[in-house]
């Protein structure tokens, strides 16, 4: 599994922790920034990651900002992206099982490092159930294809 990861200024600390986790798990990833503590615009980081995932260069993406909201809204503008904003382990599991989310968004100002690590481990380790859920994802894709 190849993962794209990025944050704005509000998610730098958790992004570094998640990179450490992925190193521990032996996962391949690429960091798309940001490398600063000053204010930057979250779409500048969310959209490139979303485009890389949608284009098949990466299997999944992880985005972190202060709340996760801006990153998730931006990523979901890219056709083929199902970015889920998650702040608990149960939602991380279900968004993979039921929604086949391909990008995870989190908020550093909302959750702590320990919880973020558990969310990512769960999200990365959970598969899509398919079945009735595949039909629902198909409806989303069909709508996107009409746009």
N, C-alpha and C. Protein backbone atom coordinates (compact mmCIF):
# COMPACT_ATOMS: atom_id res chain seq x y z
N UNK A 1 0.85 -1.18 0.00
CA UNK A 1 0.00 0.00 0.00
C UNK A 1 0.89 1.24 0.00
N UNK A 2 0.57 2.17 -0.88
CA UNK A 2 1.32 3.42 -1.00
C UNK A 2 0.41 4.57 -0.58
N UNK A 3 0.88 5.40 0.34
CA UNK A 3 0.04 6.43 0.95
C UNK A 3 0.63 7.81 0.72
N UNK A 4 -0.23 8.76 0.35
CA UNK A 4 0.13 10.17 0.26
C UNK A 4 -0.35 10.85 1.53
N UNK A 5 0.49 11.69 2.12
CA UNK A 5 0.12 12.37 3.36
C UNK A 5 0.48 13.85 3.25
N UNK A 6 -0.36 14.69 3.82
CA UNK A 6 -0.10 16.13 3.84
C UNK A 6 -0.85 16.77 4.99
N UNK A 7 -0.40 17.95 5.34
CA UNK A 7 -1.11 18.76 6.33
C UNK A 7 -0.91 20.22 6.00
N UNK A 8 -1.75 21.05 6.57
CA UNK A 8 -1.46 22.48 6.57
C UNK A 8 -0.74 22.77 7.88
N UNK A 9 -0.59 24.04 8.21
CA UNK A 9 0.12 24.44 9.43
C UNK A 9 -0.54 23.91 10.70
N UNK A 10 -1.84 23.67 10.66
CA UNK A 10 -2.56 23.21 11.83
C UNK A 10 -2.44 21.73 12.10
N UNK A 11 -1.79 20.98 11.22
CA UNK A 11 -1.70 19.54 11.38
C UNK A 11 -0.30 18.97 11.33
N UNK A 12 0.70 19.83 11.42
CA UNK A 12 2.10 19.40 11.26
C UNK A 12 2.51 18.36 12.31
N UNK A 13 2.14 18.56 13.56
CA UNK A 13 2.59 17.66 14.63
C UNK A 13 2.03 16.25 14.46
N UNK A 14 0.74 16.14 14.20
CA UNK A 14 0.15 14.81 14.01
C UNK A 14 0.66 14.18 12.73
N UNK A 15 0.89 14.98 11.69
CA UNK A 15 1.44 14.41 10.45
C UNK A 15 2.78 13.74 10.72
N UNK A 16 3.63 14.38 11.50
CA UNK A 16 4.93 13.78 11.82
C UNK A 16 4.76 12.48 12.61
N UNK A 17 3.81 12.44 13.52
CA UNK A 17 3.54 11.22 14.29
C UNK A 17 3.02 10.09 13.40
N UNK A 18 2.18 10.44 12.44
CA UNK A 18 1.62 9.43 11.54
C UNK A 18 2.71 8.91 10.60
N UNK A 19 3.62 9.77 10.19
CA UNK A 19 4.76 9.30 9.40
C UNK A 19 5.60 8.31 10.20
N UNK A 20 5.81 8.60 11.47
CA UNK A 20 6.55 7.66 12.34
C UNK A 20 5.82 6.32 12.43
N UNK A 21 4.50 6.37 12.58
CA UNK A 21 3.70 5.16 12.63
C UNK A 21 3.85 4.36 11.33
N UNK A 22 3.78 5.03 10.21
CA UNK A 22 3.89 4.33 8.93
C UNK A 22 5.30 3.73 8.77
N UNK A 23 6.31 4.42 9.28
CA UNK A 23 7.66 3.84 9.29
C UNK A 23 7.68 2.56 10.12
N UNK A 24 7.07 2.60 11.30
CA UNK A 24 7.00 1.43 12.17
C UNK A 24 6.29 0.27 11.50
N UNK A 25 5.25 0.58 10.72
CA UNK A 25 4.45 -0.44 10.04
C UNK A 25 5.08 -0.88 8.72
N UNK A 26 6.15 -0.22 8.33
CA UNK A 26 6.81 -0.57 7.07
C UNK A 26 6.03 -0.19 5.84
N UNK A 27 5.25 0.87 5.93
CA UNK A 27 4.43 1.31 4.81
C UNK A 27 5.16 2.34 3.97
N UNK A 28 4.92 2.31 2.68
CA UNK A 28 5.49 3.28 1.76
C UNK A 28 4.59 4.51 1.73
N UNK A 29 5.19 5.68 1.83
CA UNK A 29 4.41 6.92 1.79
C UNK A 29 5.25 8.05 1.21
N UNK A 30 4.54 9.09 0.78
CA UNK A 30 5.20 10.32 0.35
C UNK A 30 4.54 11.48 1.07
N UNK A 31 5.37 12.37 1.59
CA UNK A 31 4.91 13.54 2.34
C UNK A 31 4.83 14.74 1.40
N UNK A 32 3.64 15.32 1.30
CA UNK A 32 3.40 16.46 0.44
C UNK A 32 3.38 17.79 1.21
N UNK A 33 3.88 17.80 2.45
CA UNK A 33 4.00 19.05 3.20
C UNK A 33 2.81 19.29 4.11
N UNK A 34 2.79 20.43 4.75
CA UNK A 34 3.64 21.61 4.62
C UNK A 34 4.79 21.54 5.63
N UNK A 35 5.77 22.35 5.40
CA UNK A 35 6.96 22.35 6.25
C UNK A 35 7.09 23.68 6.99
N UNK A 36 5.98 24.18 7.50
CA UNK A 36 6.05 25.48 8.16
C UNK A 36 5.07 25.56 9.32
N UNK A 37 5.30 26.52 10.17
CA UNK A 37 4.38 26.78 11.27
C UNK A 37 3.52 28.01 11.02
N UNK A 38 3.74 28.66 9.89
CA UNK A 38 2.95 29.84 9.55
C UNK A 38 1.75 29.44 8.71
N UNK A 39 0.78 30.29 8.69
CA UNK A 39 -0.48 30.00 8.01
C UNK A 39 -0.29 29.74 6.52
N UNK A 40 -0.88 28.64 6.06
CA UNK A 40 -0.94 28.29 4.64
C UNK A 40 -2.37 27.92 4.29
N UNK A 41 -2.65 27.76 3.03
CA UNK A 41 -4.00 27.45 2.57
C UNK A 41 -4.17 25.94 2.37
N UNK A 42 -5.09 25.33 3.12
CA UNK A 42 -5.26 23.87 3.09
C UNK A 42 -5.56 23.30 1.71
N UNK A 43 -6.29 24.00 0.81
CA UNK A 43 -6.51 23.39 -0.51
C UNK A 43 -5.21 23.14 -1.28
N UNK A 44 -4.18 23.94 -1.00
CA UNK A 44 -2.90 23.77 -1.69
C UNK A 44 -2.24 22.43 -1.34
N UNK A 45 -2.68 21.81 -0.28
CA UNK A 45 -2.12 20.52 0.14
C UNK A 45 -3.13 19.38 -0.07
N UNK A 46 -4.40 19.66 0.14
CA UNK A 46 -5.42 18.63 0.00
C UNK A 46 -5.64 18.22 -1.45
N UNK A 47 -5.73 19.18 -2.34
CA UNK A 47 -6.04 18.88 -3.74
C UNK A 47 -4.94 18.05 -4.41
N UNK A 48 -3.66 18.39 -4.27
CA UNK A 48 -2.64 17.53 -4.90
C UNK A 48 -2.66 16.09 -4.39
N UNK A 49 -2.87 15.90 -3.10
CA UNK A 49 -2.96 14.54 -2.55
C UNK A 49 -4.17 13.83 -3.15
N UNK A 50 -5.30 14.51 -3.19
CA UNK A 50 -6.51 13.91 -3.74
C UNK A 50 -6.33 13.55 -5.22
N UNK A 51 -5.68 14.42 -5.97
CA UNK A 51 -5.44 14.13 -7.39
C UNK A 51 -4.53 12.92 -7.56
N UNK A 52 -3.53 12.78 -6.71
CA UNK A 52 -2.62 11.63 -6.78
C UNK A 52 -3.34 10.33 -6.44
N UNK A 53 -4.23 10.37 -5.45
CA UNK A 53 -4.99 9.17 -5.09
C UNK A 53 -6.00 8.85 -6.20
N UNK A 54 -6.72 9.85 -6.66
CA UNK A 54 -7.72 9.62 -7.72
C UNK A 54 -7.05 9.12 -9.00
N UNK A 55 -5.84 9.57 -9.26
CA UNK A 55 -5.12 9.16 -10.46
C UNK A 55 -4.44 7.80 -10.35
N UNK A 56 -4.51 7.19 -9.17
CA UNK A 56 -3.95 5.86 -8.99
C UNK A 56 -2.47 5.82 -8.64
N UNK A 57 -1.85 6.97 -8.46
CA UNK A 57 -0.43 6.98 -8.08
C UNK A 57 -0.23 6.53 -6.63
N UNK A 58 -1.26 6.72 -5.82
CA UNK A 58 -1.25 6.31 -4.42
C UNK A 58 -2.55 5.56 -4.14
N UNK A 59 -2.46 4.57 -3.25
CA UNK A 59 -3.65 3.79 -2.90
C UNK A 59 -4.60 4.57 -2.00
N UNK A 60 -4.01 5.31 -1.07
CA UNK A 60 -4.82 6.08 -0.12
C UNK A 60 -4.08 7.35 0.27
N UNK A 61 -4.82 8.27 0.90
CA UNK A 61 -4.23 9.52 1.36
C UNK A 61 -4.67 9.83 2.78
N UNK A 62 -3.83 10.60 3.47
CA UNK A 62 -4.13 11.07 4.82
C UNK A 62 -3.88 12.57 4.85
N UNK A 63 -4.89 13.32 5.30
CA UNK A 63 -4.80 14.77 5.36
C UNK A 63 -5.11 15.26 6.78
N UNK A 64 -4.33 16.21 7.25
CA UNK A 64 -4.52 16.74 8.60
C UNK A 64 -4.48 18.25 8.57
N UNK A 65 -5.46 18.88 9.18
CA UNK A 65 -5.44 20.32 9.40
C UNK A 65 -5.92 20.55 10.83
N UNK A 66 -6.29 21.75 11.17
CA UNK A 66 -6.72 22.03 12.53
C UNK A 66 -7.95 21.23 12.94
N UNK A 67 -8.95 21.20 12.08
CA UNK A 67 -10.18 20.46 12.37
C UNK A 67 -10.39 19.27 11.45
N UNK A 68 -9.72 19.25 10.32
CA UNK A 68 -9.95 18.23 9.30
C UNK A 68 -11.05 18.62 8.32
N UNK A 69 -11.80 19.63 8.65
CA UNK A 69 -12.95 20.02 7.82
C UNK A 69 -12.51 20.58 6.47
N UNK A 70 -11.62 21.56 6.49
CA UNK A 70 -11.17 22.17 5.24
C UNK A 70 -10.51 21.17 4.31
N UNK A 71 -9.68 20.32 4.88
CA UNK A 71 -9.01 19.29 4.08
C UNK A 71 -10.02 18.34 3.44
N UNK A 72 -11.01 17.90 4.22
CA UNK A 72 -11.98 16.95 3.68
C UNK A 72 -12.86 17.59 2.61
N UNK A 73 -13.27 18.81 2.82
CA UNK A 73 -14.08 19.50 1.81
C UNK A 73 -13.28 19.63 0.52
N UNK A 74 -12.03 20.07 0.63
CA UNK A 74 -11.19 20.26 -0.56
C UNK A 74 -10.96 18.95 -1.29
N UNK A 75 -10.59 17.90 -0.57
CA UNK A 75 -10.30 16.61 -1.19
C UNK A 75 -11.53 16.06 -1.90
N UNK A 76 -12.69 16.23 -1.30
CA UNK A 76 -13.91 15.67 -1.89
C UNK A 76 -14.37 16.40 -3.14
N UNK A 77 -13.72 17.47 -3.52
CA UNK A 77 -14.02 18.15 -4.79
C UNK A 77 -13.40 17.41 -5.97
N UNK A 78 -12.45 16.51 -5.68
CA UNK A 78 -11.76 15.77 -6.74
C UNK A 78 -12.56 14.51 -7.08
N UNK A 79 -12.87 14.34 -8.35
CA UNK A 79 -13.65 13.19 -8.81
C UNK A 79 -12.95 11.90 -8.40
N UNK A 80 -13.72 11.00 -7.82
CA UNK A 80 -13.18 9.69 -7.42
C UNK A 80 -12.70 9.62 -5.99
N UNK A 81 -12.76 10.73 -5.30
CA UNK A 81 -12.30 10.75 -3.91
C UNK A 81 -13.48 10.60 -2.97
N UNK A 82 -13.28 9.75 -1.97
CA UNK A 82 -14.22 9.60 -0.87
C UNK A 82 -13.42 9.83 0.40
N UNK A 83 -13.30 11.10 0.75
CA UNK A 83 -12.53 11.51 1.92
C UNK A 83 -13.45 11.56 3.13
N UNK A 84 -13.05 10.87 4.18
CA UNK A 84 -13.84 10.82 5.40
C UNK A 84 -13.13 11.58 6.51
N UNK A 85 -13.84 12.48 7.14
CA UNK A 85 -13.36 13.20 8.31
C UNK A 85 -13.66 12.33 9.53
N UNK A 86 -12.61 11.90 10.22
CA UNK A 86 -12.76 10.92 11.29
C UNK A 86 -12.05 11.39 12.56
N UNK A 87 -12.75 11.27 13.68
CA UNK A 87 -12.17 11.62 14.97
C UNK A 87 -12.40 10.54 16.02
N UNK A 88 -12.74 9.31 15.57
CA UNK A 88 -12.87 8.18 16.49
C UNK A 88 -12.58 6.89 15.74
N UNK A 89 -12.21 5.87 16.46
CA UNK A 89 -11.79 4.60 15.87
C UNK A 89 -12.95 3.88 15.16
N UNK A 90 -14.14 3.90 15.76
CA UNK A 90 -15.29 3.24 15.14
C UNK A 90 -15.56 3.81 13.75
N UNK A 91 -15.57 5.13 13.63
CA UNK A 91 -15.82 5.75 12.32
C UNK A 91 -14.72 5.41 11.32
N UNK A 92 -13.49 5.30 11.79
CA UNK A 92 -12.38 4.92 10.90
C UNK A 92 -12.63 3.54 10.31
N UNK A 93 -13.10 2.64 11.14
CA UNK A 93 -13.38 1.27 10.69
C UNK A 93 -14.55 1.25 9.70
N UNK A 94 -15.62 1.90 10.07
CA UNK A 94 -16.84 1.84 9.25
C UNK A 94 -16.69 2.59 7.93
N UNK A 95 -15.94 3.68 7.93
CA UNK A 95 -15.78 4.40 6.67
C UNK A 95 -14.99 3.60 5.64
N UNK A 96 -14.18 2.67 6.09
CA UNK A 96 -13.51 1.75 5.16
C UNK A 96 -14.46 0.61 4.78
N UNK A 97 -15.10 0.00 5.76
CA UNK A 97 -15.99 -1.14 5.49
C UNK A 97 -17.17 -0.77 4.60
N UNK A 98 -17.80 0.35 4.89
CA UNK A 98 -19.06 0.71 4.22
C UNK A 98 -18.89 1.73 3.10
N UNK A 99 -17.95 2.65 3.24
CA UNK A 99 -17.83 3.75 2.29
C UNK A 99 -16.61 3.66 1.38
N UNK A 100 -15.74 2.68 1.63
CA UNK A 100 -14.52 2.50 0.85
C UNK A 100 -13.77 3.83 0.72
N UNK A 101 -13.67 4.55 1.84
CA UNK A 101 -12.97 5.84 1.81
C UNK A 101 -11.53 5.63 1.36
N UNK A 102 -11.06 6.55 0.52
CA UNK A 102 -9.69 6.44 0.04
C UNK A 102 -8.79 7.55 0.57
N UNK A 103 -9.38 8.50 1.28
CA UNK A 103 -8.60 9.51 1.99
C UNK A 103 -9.21 9.68 3.38
N UNK A 104 -8.33 9.79 4.35
CA UNK A 104 -8.69 10.02 5.75
C UNK A 104 -8.31 11.45 6.11
N UNK A 105 -9.23 12.19 6.70
CA UNK A 105 -8.94 13.53 7.19
C UNK A 105 -9.11 13.55 8.70
N UNK A 106 -8.21 14.25 9.38
CA UNK A 106 -8.28 14.38 10.84
C UNK A 106 -7.94 15.81 11.23
N UNK A 107 -8.35 16.18 12.45
CA UNK A 107 -8.06 17.51 12.96
C UNK A 107 -7.16 17.47 14.18
N UNK A 108 -5.99 18.08 14.06
CA UNK A 108 -5.03 18.09 15.17
C UNK A 108 -5.55 18.84 16.39
N UNK A 109 -6.40 19.83 16.18
CA UNK A 109 -6.95 20.60 17.30
C UNK A 109 -8.14 19.90 17.95
N UNK A 110 -8.53 18.76 17.37
CA UNK A 110 -9.69 18.01 17.85
C UNK A 110 -9.28 16.74 18.58
N UNK A 111 -8.24 16.06 18.08
CA UNK A 111 -7.82 14.79 18.68
C UNK A 111 -6.34 14.85 19.05
N UNK A 112 -5.94 13.96 19.90
CA UNK A 112 -4.54 13.87 20.31
C UNK A 112 -3.79 12.86 19.47
N UNK A 113 -2.49 12.80 19.71
CA UNK A 113 -1.59 11.95 18.94
C UNK A 113 -1.94 10.47 19.10
N UNK A 114 -2.17 10.02 20.33
CA UNK A 114 -2.47 8.61 20.56
C UNK A 114 -3.71 8.16 19.81
N UNK A 115 -4.75 8.95 19.88
CA UNK A 115 -5.98 8.61 19.16
C UNK A 115 -5.76 8.65 17.66
N UNK A 116 -5.03 9.64 17.18
CA UNK A 116 -4.75 9.73 15.74
C UNK A 116 -4.04 8.48 15.25
N UNK A 117 -3.08 7.97 16.02
CA UNK A 117 -2.36 6.76 15.63
C UNK A 117 -3.31 5.57 15.56
N UNK A 118 -4.21 5.44 16.53
CA UNK A 118 -5.17 4.32 16.53
C UNK A 118 -6.14 4.43 15.36
N UNK A 119 -6.58 5.65 15.06
CA UNK A 119 -7.47 5.86 13.92
C UNK A 119 -6.79 5.43 12.63
N UNK A 120 -5.55 5.86 12.44
CA UNK A 120 -4.82 5.52 11.22
C UNK A 120 -4.58 4.02 11.12
N UNK A 121 -4.17 3.39 12.21
CA UNK A 121 -3.95 1.94 12.19
C UNK A 121 -5.23 1.20 11.80
N UNK A 122 -6.33 1.62 12.38
CA UNK A 122 -7.62 0.99 12.07
C UNK A 122 -8.01 1.23 10.62
N UNK A 123 -7.90 2.46 10.18
CA UNK A 123 -8.29 2.83 8.81
C UNK A 123 -7.45 2.10 7.78
N UNK A 124 -6.16 2.04 8.01
CA UNK A 124 -5.27 1.36 7.06
C UNK A 124 -5.48 -0.15 7.06
N UNK A 125 -5.87 -0.70 8.20
CA UNK A 125 -6.01 -2.15 8.33
C UNK A 125 -7.38 -2.70 8.04
N UNK A 126 -8.31 -1.86 7.66
CA UNK A 126 -9.69 -2.30 7.42
C UNK A 126 -9.99 -2.30 5.93
N UNK A 127 -10.62 -3.37 5.48
CA UNK A 127 -10.99 -3.50 4.07
C UNK A 127 -12.42 -3.09 3.81
N UNK A 128 -12.74 -2.98 2.53
CA UNK A 128 -14.10 -2.65 2.09
C UNK A 128 -14.92 -3.93 2.04
N UNK A 129 -16.13 -3.91 2.61
CA UNK A 129 -16.98 -5.09 2.65
C UNK A 129 -17.64 -5.41 1.31
N UNK A 130 -17.82 -4.42 0.46
CA UNK A 130 -18.50 -4.66 -0.81
C UNK A 130 -19.98 -4.92 -0.58
N UNK A 131 -20.55 -5.86 -1.33
CA UNK A 131 -21.97 -6.20 -1.17
C UNK A 131 -22.87 -5.00 -1.37
N UNK A 132 -23.83 -4.84 -0.47
CA UNK A 132 -24.79 -3.74 -0.60
C UNK A 132 -24.09 -2.38 -0.60
N UNK A 133 -22.91 -2.30 0.03
CA UNK A 133 -22.17 -1.05 0.08
C UNK A 133 -21.59 -0.69 -1.29
N UNK A 134 -21.22 -1.70 -2.07
CA UNK A 134 -20.68 -1.46 -3.41
C UNK A 134 -21.72 -0.79 -4.30
N UNK A 135 -22.97 -1.18 -4.15
CA UNK A 135 -24.06 -0.55 -4.90
C UNK A 135 -24.15 0.93 -4.57
N UNK A 136 -24.00 1.27 -3.32
CA UNK A 136 -24.10 2.67 -2.88
C UNK A 136 -22.93 3.48 -3.42
N UNK A 137 -21.74 2.91 -3.37
CA UNK A 137 -20.57 3.59 -3.91
C UNK A 137 -20.74 3.76 -5.42
N UNK A 138 -21.32 2.76 -6.07
CA UNK A 138 -21.59 2.85 -7.49
C UNK A 138 -22.51 4.01 -7.84
N UNK A 139 -23.47 4.30 -6.99
CA UNK A 139 -24.37 5.44 -7.22
C UNK A 139 -23.61 6.76 -7.13
N UNK A 140 -22.68 6.84 -6.21
CA UNK A 140 -21.86 8.06 -6.09
C UNK A 140 -21.01 8.23 -7.35
N UNK A 141 -20.40 7.15 -7.78
CA UNK A 141 -19.56 7.19 -8.98
C UNK A 141 -20.39 7.56 -10.20
N UNK A 142 -21.57 7.01 -10.32
CA UNK A 142 -22.45 7.33 -11.45
C UNK A 142 -22.80 8.81 -11.46
N UNK A 143 -23.07 9.37 -10.30
CA UNK A 143 -23.37 10.80 -10.21
C UNK A 143 -22.16 11.62 -10.64
N UNK A 144 -20.99 11.25 -10.13
CA UNK A 144 -19.76 11.97 -10.51
C UNK A 144 -19.54 11.92 -12.03
N UNK A 145 -19.81 10.78 -12.61
CA UNK A 145 -19.60 10.60 -14.05
C UNK A 145 -20.54 11.48 -14.90
N UNK A 146 -21.67 11.89 -14.34
CA UNK A 146 -22.60 12.77 -15.06
C UNK A 146 -22.16 14.22 -15.01
N UNK A 147 -21.28 14.56 -14.11
CA UNK A 147 -20.87 15.97 -13.92
C UNK A 147 -19.95 16.44 -15.02
